[in-house]
Amino acid sequence: MIQQQYALILIPFIMSSLLIFDFSTTNDWSGWEVENDVVMGGNSSSQLERSPEGNAVFKGTVSLENNGGFASLQYHFPSKNIKNYTKAFIKIKGDGKEYQFRVKSNLNDRASYIYTFKTTGDWQTVEIPLNKLTPTFRGRKLDIPNFPGDEIQEVRFLIGNKRAEDFRLIIDRIELK
């Protein structure tokens, strides 16, 4: 009987997750938008499309012309309390290139907190410890603590590998556990 009580207490804690977005279960992607280096005079281009399976396809071309060099896809949402979560899990299929997963606690914050990951070319679930997200501003690391993990209002995928390249990233879901 005691073992059953512990199991009932632990299962909700272990299985609890906060879904940030699941592309394949909703048709409303209106909160997502592309933001490329054109905001700084660059020439990179990208777009968001829906795959036949319902996943997001973020693809395009990164250009280094006019001091460019990045393409990104961002999602803004009302502030979420994430104090009880320690990791982000992102189910993606990439093209073998490196990407950044970025978050902001508040849209008005200067810093973005980033984690760089390499894709394999196959479906994978990238596990990101939230306390490993490092603060940056315009590509420069800031001398402030890593992501505090209290609130979140933005997630973003960014490619900016300091080279001109085509890219394709398929995104299924983003959740916190």
C-alpha atoms as a PDB file:
ATOM      1  CA  MET A   1       0.000   0.000   0.000  1.00  0.00           C
ATOM      2  CA  ILE A   2       2.816   2.434   0.798  1.00  0.00           C
ATOM      3  CA  GLN A   3       4.454   1.794  -2.572  1.00  0.00           C
ATOM      4  CA  GLN A   4       1.236   2.690  -4.368  1.00  0.00           C
ATOM      5  CA  GLN A   5       1.059   6.025  -2.552  1.00  0.00           C
ATOM      6  CA  TYR A   6       4.600   6.897  -3.645  1.00  0.00           C
ATOM      7  CA  ALA A   7       3.831   5.899  -7.204  1.00  0.00           C
ATOM      8  CA  LEU A   8       0.825   8.187  -7.259  1.00  0.00           C
ATOM      9  CA  ILE A   9       2.912  11.082  -5.987  1.00  0.00           C
ATOM     10  CA  LEU A  10       5.863  10.546  -8.343  1.00  0.00           C
ATOM     11  CA  ILE A  11       4.042   9.801 -11.610  1.00  0.00           C
ATOM     12  CA  PRO A  12       2.431  13.253 -12.020  1.00  0.00           C
ATOM     13  CA  PHE A  13       5.762  14.921 -11.203  1.00  0.00           C
ATOM     14  CA  ILE A  14       7.744  12.805 -13.656  1.00  0.00           C
ATOM     15  CA  MET A  15       5.193  13.017 -16.450  1.00  0.00           C
ATOM     16  CA  SER A  16       4.294  16.705 -16.131  1.00  0.00           C
ATOM     17  CA  SER A  17       5.210  18.819 -19.103  1.00  0.00           C
ATOM     18  CA  LEU A  18       4.385  22.223 -20.486  1.00  0.00           C
ATOM     19  CA  LEU A  19       3.654  22.219 -24.190  1.00  0.00           C
ATOM     20  CA  ILE A  20       5.002  25.358 -25.822  1.00  0.00           C
ATOM     21  CA  PHE A  21       3.881  24.391 -29.332  1.00  0.00           C
ATOM     22  CA  ASP A  22       2.955  21.288 -31.323  1.00  0.00           C
ATOM     23  CA  PHE A  23       2.844  22.100 -35.024  1.00  0.00           C
ATOM     24  CA  SER A  24       1.130  18.875 -36.068  1.00  0.00           C
ATOM     25  CA  THR A  25      -1.895  19.328 -33.784  1.00  0.00           C
ATOM     26  CA  THR A  26      -2.928  22.876 -34.692  1.00  0.00           C
ATOM     27  CA  ASN A  27      -3.576  24.833 -37.856  1.00  0.00           C
ATOM     28  CA  ASP A  28      -3.121  28.208 -36.132  1.00  0.00           C
ATOM     29  CA  TRP A  29       0.518  29.183 -36.578  1.00  0.00           C
ATOM     30  CA  SER A  30      -0.258  32.906 -36.474  1.00  0.00           C
ATOM     31  CA  GLY A  31       2.086  33.531 -33.526  1.00  0.00           C
ATOM     32  CA  TRP A  32       5.116  32.399 -35.537  1.00  0.00           C
ATOM     33  CA  GLU A  33       7.087  34.796 -37.726  1.00  0.00           C
ATOM     34  CA  VAL A  34      10.295  34.822 -39.694  1.00  0.00           C
ATOM     35  CA  GLU A  35      12.912  37.450 -38.818  1.00  0.00           C
ATOM     36  CA  ASN A  36      16.090  37.538 -40.884  1.00  0.00           C
ATOM     37  CA  ASP A  37      19.181  39.714 -41.046  1.00  0.00           C
ATOM     38  CA  VAL A  38      17.324  42.136 -43.364  1.00  0.00           C
ATOM     39  CA  VAL A  39      16.456  44.001 -40.132  1.00  0.00           C
ATOM     40  CA  MET A  40      20.175  44.962 -40.144  1.00  0.00           C
ATOM     41  CA  GLY A  41      20.597  45.368 -43.926  1.00  0.00           C
ATOM     42  CA  GLY A  42      21.445  41.735 -44.756  1.00  0.00           C
ATOM     43  CA  ASN A  43      20.077  39.622 -47.599  1.00  0.00           C
ATOM     44  CA  SER A  44      19.197  36.288 -46.017  1.00  0.00           C
ATOM     45  CA  SER A  45      15.772  34.869 -46.800  1.00  0.00           C
ATOM     46  CA  SER A  46      13.648  32.207 -45.183  1.00  0.00           C
ATOM     47  CA  GLN A  47      10.096  30.987 -44.912  1.00  0.00           C
ATOM     48  CA  LEU A  48       7.838  28.799 -42.842  1.00  0.00           C
ATOM     49  CA  GLU A  49       5.837  26.074 -44.585  1.00  0.00           C
ATOM     50  CA  ARG A  50       3.686  23.139 -43.499  1.00  0.00           C
ATOM     51  CA  SER A  51       4.898  19.630 -44.393  1.00  0.00           C
ATOM     52  CA  PRO A  52       2.373  17.031 -45.623  1.00  0.00           C
ATOM     53  CA  GLU A  53       2.579  15.500 -42.100  1.00  0.00           C
ATOM     54  CA  GLY A  54       1.676  18.852 -40.523  1.00  0.00           C
ATOM     55  CA  ASN A  55       5.113  19.777 -39.190  1.00  0.00           C
ATOM     56  CA  ALA A  56       6.764  23.171 -39.568  1.00  0.00           C
ATOM     57  CA  VAL A  57       9.423  23.469 -42.258  1.00  0.00           C
ATOM     58  CA  PHE A  58      11.745  26.415 -41.647  1.00  0.00           C
ATOM     59  CA  LYS A  59      13.942  26.775 -44.722  1.00  0.00           C
ATOM     60  CA  GLY A  60      15.867  29.336 -46.689  1.00  0.00           C
ATOM     61  CA  THR A  61      19.238  30.787 -47.544  1.00  0.00           C
ATOM     62  CA  VAL A  62      21.690  32.555 -45.249  1.00  0.00           C
ATOM     63  CA  SER A  63      23.647  35.285 -47.019  1.00  0.00           C
ATOM     64  CA  LEU A  64      26.751  37.061 -45.756  1.00  0.00           C
ATOM     65  CA  GLU A  65      26.197  40.060 -48.050  1.00  0.00           C
ATOM     66  CA  ASN A  66      25.805  43.506 -46.448  1.00  0.00           C
ATOM     67  CA  ASN A  67      27.046  42.205 -43.078  1.00  0.00           C
ATOM     68  CA  GLY A  68      24.216  39.662 -42.960  1.00  0.00           C
ATOM     69  CA  GLY A  69      24.448  36.129 -41.728  1.00  0.00           C
ATOM     70  CA  PHE A  70      21.334  34.813 -39.990  1.00  0.00           C
ATOM     71  CA  ALA A  71      17.780  33.646 -40.437  1.00  0.00           C
ATOM     72  CA  SER A  72      15.367  33.004 -37.583  1.00  0.00           C
ATOM     73  CA  LEU A  73      11.883  31.834 -36.744  1.00  0.00           C
ATOM     74  CA  GLN A  74      10.281  33.215 -33.581  1.00  0.00           C
ATOM     75  CA  TYR A  75       7.181  32.627 -31.502  1.00  0.00           C
ATOM     76  CA  HIS A  76       5.868  35.185 -28.986  1.00  0.00           C
ATOM     77  CA  PHE A  77       3.215  34.258 -26.436  1.00  0.00           C
ATOM     78  CA  PRO A  78       1.789  35.483 -23.120  1.00  0.00           C
ATOM     79  CA  SER A  79       4.229  34.996 -20.250  1.00  0.00           C
ATOM     80  CA  LYS A  80       4.380  31.462 -18.864  1.00  0.00           C
ATOM     81  CA  ASN A  81       5.612  30.581 -15.390  1.00  0.00           C
ATOM     82  CA  ILE A  82       8.212  27.833 -15.874  1.00  0.00           C
ATOM     83  CA  LYS A  83       9.726  27.578 -12.381  1.00  0.00           C
ATOM     84  CA  ASN A  84       8.867  23.860 -12.148  1.00  0.00           C
ATOM     85  CA  TYR A  85      10.608  22.924 -15.421  1.00  0.00           C
ATOM     86  CA  THR A  86      14.296  22.270 -15.971  1.00  0.00           C
ATOM     87  CA  LYS A  87      14.626  21.147 -19.600  1.00  0.00           C
ATOM     88  CA  ALA A  88      13.319  21.919 -23.063  1.00  0.00           C
ATOM     89  CA  PHE A  89      12.649  19.023 -25.431  1.00  0.00           C
ATOM     90  CA  ILE A  90      12.503  19.804 -29.131  1.00  0.00           C
ATOM     91  CA  LYS A  91      11.522  17.174 -31.673  1.00  0.00           C
ATOM     92  CA  ILE A  92      13.153  18.145 -34.966  1.00  0.00           C
ATOM     93  CA  LYS A  93      14.635  16.847 -38.181  1.00  0.00           C
ATOM     94  CA  GLY A  94      17.505  18.915 -39.502  1.00  0.00           C
ATOM     95  CA  ASP A  95      19.977  18.905 -42.325  1.00  0.00           C
ATOM     96  CA  GLY A  96      23.200  18.206 -40.407  1.00  0.00           C
ATOM     97  CA  LYS A  97      23.804  21.892 -39.639  1.00  0.00           C
ATOM     98  CA  GLU A  98      24.046  23.723 -36.315  1.00  0.00           C
ATOM     99  CA  TYR A  99      21.126  25.782 -35.064  1.00  0.00           C
ATOM    100  CA  GLN A 100      20.447  27.872 -32.001  1.00  0.00           C
ATOM    101  CA  PHE A 101      17.444  27.481 -29.742  1.00  0.00           C
ATOM    102  CA  ARG A 102      16.792  30.834 -28.093  1.00  0.00           C
ATOM    103  CA  VAL A 103      14.432  31.980 -25.366  1.00  0.00           C
ATOM    104  CA  LYS A 104      13.524  35.262 -23.742  1.00  0.00           C
ATOM    105  CA  SER A 105      12.042  35.700 -20.289  1.00  0.00           C
ATOM    106  CA  ASN A 106      10.461  38.953 -21.343  1.00  0.00           C
ATOM    107  CA  LEU A 107      10.079  40.406 -24.843  1.00  0.00           C
ATOM    108  CA  ASN A 108      11.531  43.693 -23.595  1.00  0.00           C
ATOM    109  CA  ASP A 109      14.750  42.057 -22.375  1.00  0.00           C
ATOM    110  CA  ARG A 110      17.941  42.866 -24.231  1.00  0.00           C
ATOM    111  CA  ALA A 111      19.357  39.396 -23.779  1.00  0.00           C
ATOM    112  CA  SER A 112      18.372  36.238 -25.544  1.00  0.00           C
ATOM    113  CA  TYR A 113      19.430  32.993 -23.916  1.00  0.00           C
ATOM    114  CA  ILE A 114      20.835  30.501 -26.400  1.00  0.00           C
ATOM    115  CA  TYR A 115      21.769  26.855 -26.753  1.00  0.00           C
ATOM    116  CA  THR A 116      23.484  25.605 -29.912  1.00  0.00           C
ATOM    117  CA  PHE A 117      22.743  22.107 -31.173  1.00  0.00           C
ATOM    118  CA  LYS A 118      23.761  20.077 -34.212  1.00  0.00           C
ATOM    119  CA  THR A 119      21.184  18.233 -36.262  1.00  0.00           C
ATOM    120  CA  THR A 120      21.765  14.697 -37.520  1.00  0.00           C
ATOM    121  CA  GLY A 121      19.644  14.565 -40.668  1.00  0.00           C
ATOM    122  CA  ASP A 122      17.202  12.204 -38.918  1.00  0.00           C
ATOM    123  CA  TRP A 123      14.375  12.826 -36.473  1.00  0.00           C
ATOM    124  CA  GLN A 124      15.820  13.575 -33.068  1.00  0.00           C
ATOM    125  CA  THR A 125      14.709  14.996 -29.750  1.00  0.00           C
ATOM    126  CA  VAL A 126      17.107  17.659 -28.557  1.00  0.00           C
ATOM    127  CA  GLU A 127      17.203  17.904 -24.767  1.00  0.00           C
ATOM    128  CA  ILE A 128      18.249  21.320 -23.488  1.00  0.00           C
ATOM    129  CA  PRO A 129      18.912  22.017 -19.793  1.00  0.00           C
ATOM    130  CA  LEU A 130      17.373  25.455 -19.229  1.00  0.00           C
ATOM    131  CA  ASN A 131      20.218  26.454 -16.886  1.00  0.00           C
ATOM    132  CA  LYS A 132      22.676  25.947 -19.792  1.00  0.00           C
ATOM    133  CA  LEU A 133      21.058  28.673 -21.927  1.00  0.00           C
ATOM    134  CA  THR A 134      23.679  31.436 -22.115  1.00  0.00           C
ATOM    135  CA  PRO A 135      22.915  35.172 -22.405  1.00  0.00           C
ATOM    136  CA  THR A 136      23.770  36.937 -25.668  1.00  0.00           C
ATOM    137  CA  PHE A 137      22.994  40.193 -27.408  1.00  0.00           C
ATOM    138  CA  ARG A 138      23.653  40.639 -31.134  1.00  0.00           C
ATOM    139  CA  GLY A 139      25.935  37.613 -31.182  1.00  0.00           C
ATOM    140  CA  ARG A 140      28.013  38.621 -28.172  1.00  0.00           C
ATOM    141  CA  LYS A 141      28.001  36.732 -24.881  1.00  0.00           C
ATOM    142  CA  LEU A 142      26.922  38.908 -21.977  1.00  0.00           C
ATOM    143  CA  ASP A 143      28.505  38.870 -18.524  1.00  0.00           C
ATOM    144  CA  ILE A 144      25.295  38.040 -16.676  1.00  0.00           C
ATOM    145  CA  PRO A 145      24.026  34.723 -15.248  1.00  0.00           C
ATOM    146  CA  ASN A 146      22.544  32.006 -17.463  1.00  0.00           C
ATOM    147  CA  PHE A 147      18.789  31.792 -18.044  1.00  0.00           C
ATOM    148  CA  PRO A 148      16.967  32.208 -14.713  1.00  0.00           C
ATOM    149  CA  GLY A 149      14.175  29.810 -15.704  1.00  0.00           C
ATOM    150  CA  ASP A 150      11.294  31.669 -14.059  1.00  0.00           C
ATOM    151  CA  GLU A 151       9.265  33.039 -16.975  1.00  0.00           C
ATOM    152  CA  ILE A 152       9.265  32.670 -20.757  1.00  0.00           C
ATOM    153  CA  GLN A 153       7.681  34.774 -23.529  1.00  0.00           C
ATOM    154  CA  GLU A 154       9.632  33.850 -26.647  1.00  0.00           C
ATOM    155  CA  VAL A 155      11.206  30.848 -28.318  1.00  0.00           C
ATOM    156  CA  ARG A 156      13.252  31.152 -31.481  1.00  0.00           C
ATOM    157  CA  PHE A 157      15.267  29.017 -33.858  1.00  0.00           C
ATOM    158  CA  LEU A 158      18.226  30.731 -35.498  1.00  0.00           C
ATOM    159  CA  ILE A 159      20.830  29.661 -38.020  1.00  0.00           C
ATOM    160  CA  GLY A 160      23.939  31.835 -38.245  1.00  0.00           C
ATOM    161  CA  ASN A 161      27.034  29.727 -38.840  1.00  0.00           C
ATOM    162  CA  LYS A 162      29.171  32.525 -40.343  1.00  0.00           C
ATOM    163  CA  ARG A 163      28.828  31.102 -43.859  1.00  0.00           C
ATOM    164  CA  ALA A 164      26.485  31.416 -46.795  1.00  0.00           C
ATOM    165  CA  GLU A 165      24.317  28.301 -46.902  1.00  0.00           C
ATOM    166  CA  ASP A 166      20.913  26.854 -47.636  1.00  0.00           C
ATOM    167  CA  PHE A 167      19.121  25.257 -44.701  1.00  0.00           C
ATOM    168  CA  ARG A 168      16.053  23.212 -43.815  1.00  0.00           C
ATOM    169  CA  LEU A 169      14.787  22.461 -40.309  1.00  0.00           C
ATOM    170  CA  ILE A 170      11.582  20.485 -39.685  1.00  0.00           C
ATOM    171  CA  ILE A 171      10.016  21.141 -36.281  1.00  0.00           C
ATOM    172  CA  ASP A 172       7.388  18.908 -34.701  1.00  0.00           C
ATOM    173  CA  ARG A 173       7.039  20.107 -31.104  1.00  0.00           C
ATOM    174  CA  ILE A 174       8.561  22.096 -28.259  1.00  0.00           C
ATOM    175  CA  GLU A 175       7.839  21.272 -24.640  1.00  0.00           C
ATOM    176  CA  LEU A 176       9.314  21.783 -21.199  1.00  0.00           C
ATOM    177  CA  LYS A 177       9.672  19.111 -18.554  1.00  0.00           C
END
